[in-house]
């Protein structure tokens, strides 16, 4: 009886393995033939807006608008725009866009009482974080929008693009 159970278990495992292999094979073939298939080796395509800006995949059409480095730089040079750094305080202290306010999304409740009074409902607010893969600037922009701020933009190039371009930065110790 015990030999029969082992033999039966072996056949079940063999069939299950065959099903998994067959299913994987069919899935790979379908993916490679499908026009909407994904590449199986790195360098996946990025989500790009109509304005050719790279944004996180979670970015939606109804989110605050994404802006380019050129737009952010233009707004930096004109008065009336508030830059808000959504990164952790340690990252902000090691370097940020000159004049930016630190408002770490991950610590929104802790910082809101000191940062929200510095923000104006009338002025344009540009949120940013590390770069195009970072979502905290998007999440912070959504939170601010939900709190009644209307003129919000998101600079997805963020700190990394700003710094690489040699634009004005600050470091706090």
C-alpha atoms as a PDB file:
ATOM      1  CA  UNK A   1       0.000   0.000   0.000  1.00  0.00           C
ATOM      2  CA  UNK A   2       2.798   2.450   0.915  1.00  0.00           C
ATOM      3  CA  UNK A   3       4.652   1.710  -2.350  1.00  0.00           C
ATOM      4  CA  UNK A   4       1.442   2.456  -4.277  1.00  0.00           C
ATOM      5  CA  UNK A   5       1.049   5.847  -2.512  1.00  0.00           C
ATOM      6  CA  UNK A   6       4.679   6.831  -3.305  1.00  0.00           C
ATOM      7  CA  UNK A   7       4.229   5.823  -6.925  1.00  0.00           C
ATOM      8  CA  UNK A   8       0.961   7.768  -7.136  1.00  0.00           C
ATOM      9  CA  UNK A   9       2.552  10.856  -5.504  1.00  0.00           C
ATOM     10  CA  UNK A  10       5.493  10.656  -7.940  1.00  0.00           C
ATOM     11  CA  UNK A  11       3.104  10.615 -10.928  1.00  0.00           C
ATOM     12  CA  UNK A  12       1.134  13.580  -9.549  1.00  0.00           C
ATOM     13  CA  UNK A  13       4.332  15.602  -9.058  1.00  0.00           C
ATOM     14  CA  UNK A  14       5.549  14.641 -12.524  1.00  0.00           C
ATOM     15  CA  UNK A  15       2.256  15.766 -14.099  1.00  0.00           C
ATOM     16  CA  UNK A  16       2.257  19.034 -12.110  1.00  0.00           C
ATOM     17  CA  UNK A  17       5.818  19.780 -13.239  1.00  0.00           C
ATOM     18  CA  UNK A  18       4.834  19.092 -16.826  1.00  0.00           C
ATOM     19  CA  UNK A  19       1.866  21.460 -16.557  1.00  0.00           C
ATOM     20  CA  UNK A  20       4.086  24.221 -15.124  1.00  0.00           C
ATOM     21  CA  UNK A  21       6.684  23.765 -17.883  1.00  0.00           C
ATOM     22  CA  UNK A  22       4.038  23.672 -20.605  1.00  0.00           C
ATOM     23  CA  UNK A  23       2.270  26.736 -19.165  1.00  0.00           C
ATOM     24  CA  UNK A  24       5.544  28.665 -18.970  1.00  0.00           C
ATOM     25  CA  UNK A  25       6.403  27.739 -22.547  1.00  0.00           C
ATOM     26  CA  UNK A  26       2.964  28.823 -23.838  1.00  0.00           C
ATOM     27  CA  UNK A  27       3.194  32.077 -21.833  1.00  0.00           C
ATOM     28  CA  UNK A  28       6.645  32.933 -23.213  1.00  0.00           C
ATOM     29  CA  UNK A  29       5.544  32.200 -26.795  1.00  0.00           C
ATOM     30  CA  UNK A  30       2.363  34.278 -26.373  1.00  0.00           C
ATOM     31  CA  UNK A  31       4.308  37.173 -24.800  1.00  0.00           C
ATOM     32  CA  UNK A  32       6.880  37.202 -27.605  1.00  0.00           C
ATOM     33  CA  UNK A  33       4.177  37.215 -30.319  1.00  0.00           C
ATOM     34  CA  UNK A  34       1.899  39.752 -28.621  1.00  0.00           C
ATOM     35  CA  UNK A  35       2.309  43.413 -29.647  1.00  0.00           C
ATOM     36  CA  UNK A  36       1.731  44.308 -25.980  1.00  0.00           C
ATOM     37  CA  UNK A  37       4.232  41.772 -24.644  1.00  0.00           C
ATOM     38  CA  UNK A  38       6.997  42.804 -22.276  1.00  0.00           C
ATOM     39  CA  UNK A  39      10.680  42.285 -22.832  1.00  0.00           C
ATOM     40  CA  UNK A  40      12.089  39.448 -20.765  1.00  0.00           C
ATOM     41  CA  UNK A  41      15.537  41.003 -20.370  1.00  0.00           C
ATOM     42  CA  UNK A  42      15.894  44.350 -18.489  1.00  0.00           C
ATOM     43  CA  UNK A  43      15.585  47.825 -19.991  1.00  0.00           C
ATOM     44  CA  UNK A  44      11.794  47.830 -19.965  1.00  0.00           C
ATOM     45  CA  UNK A  45      10.181  50.784 -21.616  1.00  0.00           C
ATOM     46  CA  UNK A  46       9.255  53.676 -19.376  1.00  0.00           C
ATOM     47  CA  UNK A  47       5.956  55.461 -19.088  1.00  0.00           C
ATOM     48  CA  UNK A  48       6.214  58.684 -21.091  1.00  0.00           C
ATOM     49  CA  UNK A  49       3.688  61.539 -21.216  1.00  0.00           C
ATOM     50  CA  UNK A  50       2.534  63.288 -24.378  1.00  0.00           C
ATOM     51  CA  UNK A  51       5.157  65.946 -23.589  1.00  0.00           C
ATOM     52  CA  UNK A  52       7.886  63.240 -23.670  1.00  0.00           C
ATOM     53  CA  UNK A  53       8.417  63.342 -19.896  1.00  0.00           C
ATOM     54  CA  UNK A  54       9.336  60.114 -18.098  1.00  0.00           C
ATOM     55  CA  UNK A  55       6.947  59.488 -15.196  1.00  0.00           C
ATOM     56  CA  UNK A  56       6.331  56.603 -12.763  1.00  0.00           C
ATOM     57  CA  UNK A  57       3.845  53.970 -13.888  1.00  0.00           C
ATOM     58  CA  UNK A  58       1.456  55.012 -11.117  1.00  0.00           C
ATOM     59  CA  UNK A  59       1.097  58.506 -12.681  1.00  0.00           C
ATOM     60  CA  UNK A  60      -2.461  59.061 -13.932  1.00  0.00           C
ATOM     61  CA  UNK A  61      -4.024  61.596 -16.296  1.00  0.00           C
ATOM     62  CA  UNK A  62      -5.911  63.297 -13.450  1.00  0.00           C
ATOM     63  CA  UNK A  63      -2.739  63.792 -11.360  1.00  0.00           C
ATOM     64  CA  UNK A  64      -1.119  67.229 -11.131  1.00  0.00           C
ATOM     65  CA  UNK A  65       0.835  67.988 -14.321  1.00  0.00           C
ATOM     66  CA  UNK A  66       4.410  66.790 -14.757  1.00  0.00           C
ATOM     67  CA  UNK A  67       6.977  69.441 -15.723  1.00  0.00           C
ATOM     68  CA  UNK A  68      10.340  69.332 -17.474  1.00  0.00           C
ATOM     69  CA  UNK A  69      13.717  70.476 -16.202  1.00  0.00           C
ATOM     70  CA  UNK A  70      13.447  73.549 -18.439  1.00  0.00           C
ATOM     71  CA  UNK A  71      10.087  74.483 -16.933  1.00  0.00           C
ATOM     72  CA  UNK A  72      11.339  73.914 -13.377  1.00  0.00           C
ATOM     73  CA  UNK A  73      14.443  76.000 -14.075  1.00  0.00           C
ATOM     74  CA  UNK A  74      12.340  78.829 -15.548  1.00  0.00           C
ATOM     75  CA  UNK A  75      10.070  78.798 -12.491  1.00  0.00           C
ATOM     76  CA  UNK A  76      13.084  78.671 -10.172  1.00  0.00           C
ATOM     77  CA  UNK A  77      14.377  81.889 -11.735  1.00  0.00           C
ATOM     78  CA  UNK A  78      11.064  83.694 -11.302  1.00  0.00           C
ATOM     79  CA  UNK A  79       9.549  84.667  -7.970  1.00  0.00           C
ATOM     80  CA  UNK A  80       6.361  83.068  -6.807  1.00  0.00           C
ATOM     81  CA  UNK A  81       7.084  79.353  -7.127  1.00  0.00           C
ATOM     82  CA  UNK A  82       7.643  77.143  -4.100  1.00  0.00           C
ATOM     83  CA  UNK A  83       9.791  74.029  -4.546  1.00  0.00           C
ATOM     84  CA  UNK A  84       8.952  71.207  -2.151  1.00  0.00           C
ATOM     85  CA  UNK A  85      11.374  68.323  -1.605  1.00  0.00           C
ATOM     86  CA  UNK A  86       9.443  65.132  -0.784  1.00  0.00           C
ATOM     87  CA  UNK A  87      12.551  63.142   0.259  1.00  0.00           C
ATOM     88  CA  UNK A  88      13.648  62.124   3.741  1.00  0.00           C
ATOM     89  CA  UNK A  89      15.259  64.866   5.867  1.00  0.00           C
ATOM     90  CA  UNK A  90      18.677  63.150   5.652  1.00  0.00           C
ATOM     91  CA  UNK A  91      18.563  63.264   1.846  1.00  0.00           C
ATOM     92  CA  UNK A  92      17.362  66.874   1.900  1.00  0.00           C
ATOM     93  CA  UNK A  93      20.208  67.904   4.199  1.00  0.00           C
ATOM     94  CA  UNK A  94      22.818  66.250   1.981  1.00  0.00           C
ATOM     95  CA  UNK A  95      21.630  68.379  -0.952  1.00  0.00           C
ATOM     96  CA  UNK A  96      18.471  69.912  -2.397  1.00  0.00           C
ATOM     97  CA  UNK A  97      17.242  72.533  -4.852  1.00  0.00           C
ATOM     98  CA  UNK A  98      18.229  75.925  -3.467  1.00  0.00           C
ATOM     99  CA  UNK A  99      15.390  77.398  -1.418  1.00  0.00           C
ATOM    100  CA  UNK A 100      13.275  74.227  -1.442  1.00  0.00           C
ATOM    101  CA  UNK A 101      11.180  73.322   1.577  1.00  0.00           C
ATOM    102  CA  UNK A 102      11.556  69.817   2.945  1.00  0.00           C
ATOM    103  CA  UNK A 103       8.211  68.037   3.291  1.00  0.00           C
ATOM    104  CA  UNK A 104       8.906  64.299   3.409  1.00  0.00           C
ATOM    105  CA  UNK A 105       5.830  62.480   2.182  1.00  0.00           C
ATOM    106  CA  UNK A 106       6.635  59.463   4.357  1.00  0.00           C
ATOM    107  CA  UNK A 107       6.350  61.739   7.412  1.00  0.00           C
ATOM    108  CA  UNK A 108       3.461  63.886   6.158  1.00  0.00           C
ATOM    109  CA  UNK A 109       1.543  64.041   9.440  1.00  0.00           C
ATOM    110  CA  UNK A 110       4.639  64.939  11.486  1.00  0.00           C
ATOM    111  CA  UNK A 111       5.661  67.761   9.148  1.00  0.00           C
ATOM    112  CA  UNK A 112       2.288  69.143   8.035  1.00  0.00           C
ATOM    113  CA  UNK A 113       1.840  71.541  10.978  1.00  0.00           C
ATOM    114  CA  UNK A 114       5.174  73.249  10.262  1.00  0.00           C
ATOM    115  CA  UNK A 115       5.174  73.091   6.443  1.00  0.00           C
ATOM    116  CA  UNK A 116       1.562  73.716   5.365  1.00  0.00           C
ATOM    117  CA  UNK A 117       1.560  77.290   6.768  1.00  0.00           C
ATOM    118  CA  UNK A 118       4.601  78.035   4.538  1.00  0.00           C
ATOM    119  CA  UNK A 119       2.699  77.000   1.418  1.00  0.00           C
ATOM    120  CA  UNK A 120       0.381  79.400  -0.329  1.00  0.00           C
ATOM    121  CA  UNK A 121      -2.839  78.486  -2.069  1.00  0.00           C
ATOM    122  CA  UNK A 122      -2.047  81.249  -4.593  1.00  0.00           C
ATOM    123  CA  UNK A 123       1.529  80.328  -5.498  1.00  0.00           C
ATOM    124  CA  UNK A 124       2.636  77.542  -7.758  1.00  0.00           C
ATOM    125  CA  UNK A 125       4.068  74.526  -5.917  1.00  0.00           C
ATOM    126  CA  UNK A 126       6.507  72.140  -7.607  1.00  0.00           C
ATOM    127  CA  UNK A 127       7.164  68.873  -5.799  1.00  0.00           C
ATOM    128  CA  UNK A 128      10.184  66.695  -6.499  1.00  0.00           C
ATOM    129  CA  UNK A 129      12.118  63.741  -5.107  1.00  0.00           C
ATOM    130  CA  UNK A 130      15.111  61.721  -6.391  1.00  0.00           C
ATOM    131  CA  UNK A 131      14.270  61.164 -10.053  1.00  0.00           C
ATOM    132  CA  UNK A 132      11.847  59.697 -12.584  1.00  0.00           C
ATOM    133  CA  UNK A 133      11.513  56.381 -10.725  1.00  0.00           C
ATOM    134  CA  UNK A 134      10.681  58.104  -7.421  1.00  0.00           C
ATOM    135  CA  UNK A 135       6.985  58.346  -6.551  1.00  0.00           C
ATOM    136  CA  UNK A 136       7.028  60.361  -3.333  1.00  0.00           C
ATOM    137  CA  UNK A 137       6.765  63.672  -5.216  1.00  0.00           C
ATOM    138  CA  UNK A 138       3.635  62.301  -6.919  1.00  0.00           C
ATOM    139  CA  UNK A 139       2.155  61.053  -3.647  1.00  0.00           C
ATOM    140  CA  UNK A 140       2.905  64.375  -1.927  1.00  0.00           C
ATOM    141  CA  UNK A 141       1.357  66.326  -4.823  1.00  0.00           C
ATOM    142  CA  UNK A 142      -1.800  64.209  -4.550  1.00  0.00           C
ATOM    143  CA  UNK A 143      -1.957  64.803  -0.800  1.00  0.00           C
ATOM    144  CA  UNK A 144      -1.525  68.562  -1.223  1.00  0.00           C
ATOM    145  CA  UNK A 145      -4.191  68.612  -3.943  1.00  0.00           C
ATOM    146  CA  UNK A 146      -6.553  66.805  -1.562  1.00  0.00           C
ATOM    147  CA  UNK A 147      -5.806  69.477   1.072  1.00  0.00           C
ATOM    148  CA  UNK A 148      -7.003  72.215  -1.312  1.00  0.00           C
ATOM    149  CA  UNK A 149      -3.827  73.317  -3.102  1.00  0.00           C
ATOM    150  CA  UNK A 150      -4.701  73.785  -6.759  1.00  0.00           C
ATOM    151  CA  UNK A 151      -1.563  75.039  -8.514  1.00  0.00           C
ATOM    152  CA  UNK A 152       0.667  71.975  -8.083  1.00  0.00           C
ATOM    153  CA  UNK A 153       3.156  70.564 -10.565  1.00  0.00           C
ATOM    154  CA  UNK A 154       5.539  67.593 -10.299  1.00  0.00           C
ATOM    155  CA  UNK A 155       9.149  67.677 -11.433  1.00  0.00           C
ATOM    156  CA  UNK A 156       9.885  63.971 -11.925  1.00  0.00           C
ATOM    157  CA  UNK A 157      13.476  64.605 -13.013  1.00  0.00           C
ATOM    158  CA  UNK A 158      13.931  65.614  -9.397  1.00  0.00           C
ATOM    159  CA  UNK A 159      17.096  66.072  -7.449  1.00  0.00           C
ATOM    160  CA  UNK A 160      19.221  63.831  -9.665  1.00  0.00           C
ATOM    161  CA  UNK A 161      18.391  65.702 -12.899  1.00  0.00           C
ATOM    162  CA  UNK A 162      18.690  69.114 -11.217  1.00  0.00           C
ATOM    163  CA  UNK A 163      22.082  68.281  -9.737  1.00  0.00           C
ATOM    164  CA  UNK A 164      23.431  66.737 -12.979  1.00  0.00           C
ATOM    165  CA  UNK A 165      22.496  69.941 -14.802  1.00  0.00           C
ATOM    166  CA  UNK A 166      24.626  72.021 -12.430  1.00  0.00           C
ATOM    167  CA  UNK A 167      21.706  74.144 -11.221  1.00  0.00           C
ATOM    168  CA  UNK A 168      21.722  75.974  -7.835  1.00  0.00           C
ATOM    169  CA  UNK A 169      21.732  73.646  -4.828  1.00  0.00           C
ATOM    170  CA  UNK A 170      22.050  73.901  -1.056  1.00  0.00           C
ATOM    171  CA  UNK A 171      23.526  71.572   1.517  1.00  0.00           C
ATOM    172  CA  UNK A 172      22.554  71.706   5.190  1.00  0.00           C
ATOM    173  CA  UNK A 173      24.666  70.241   7.933  1.00  0.00           C
END
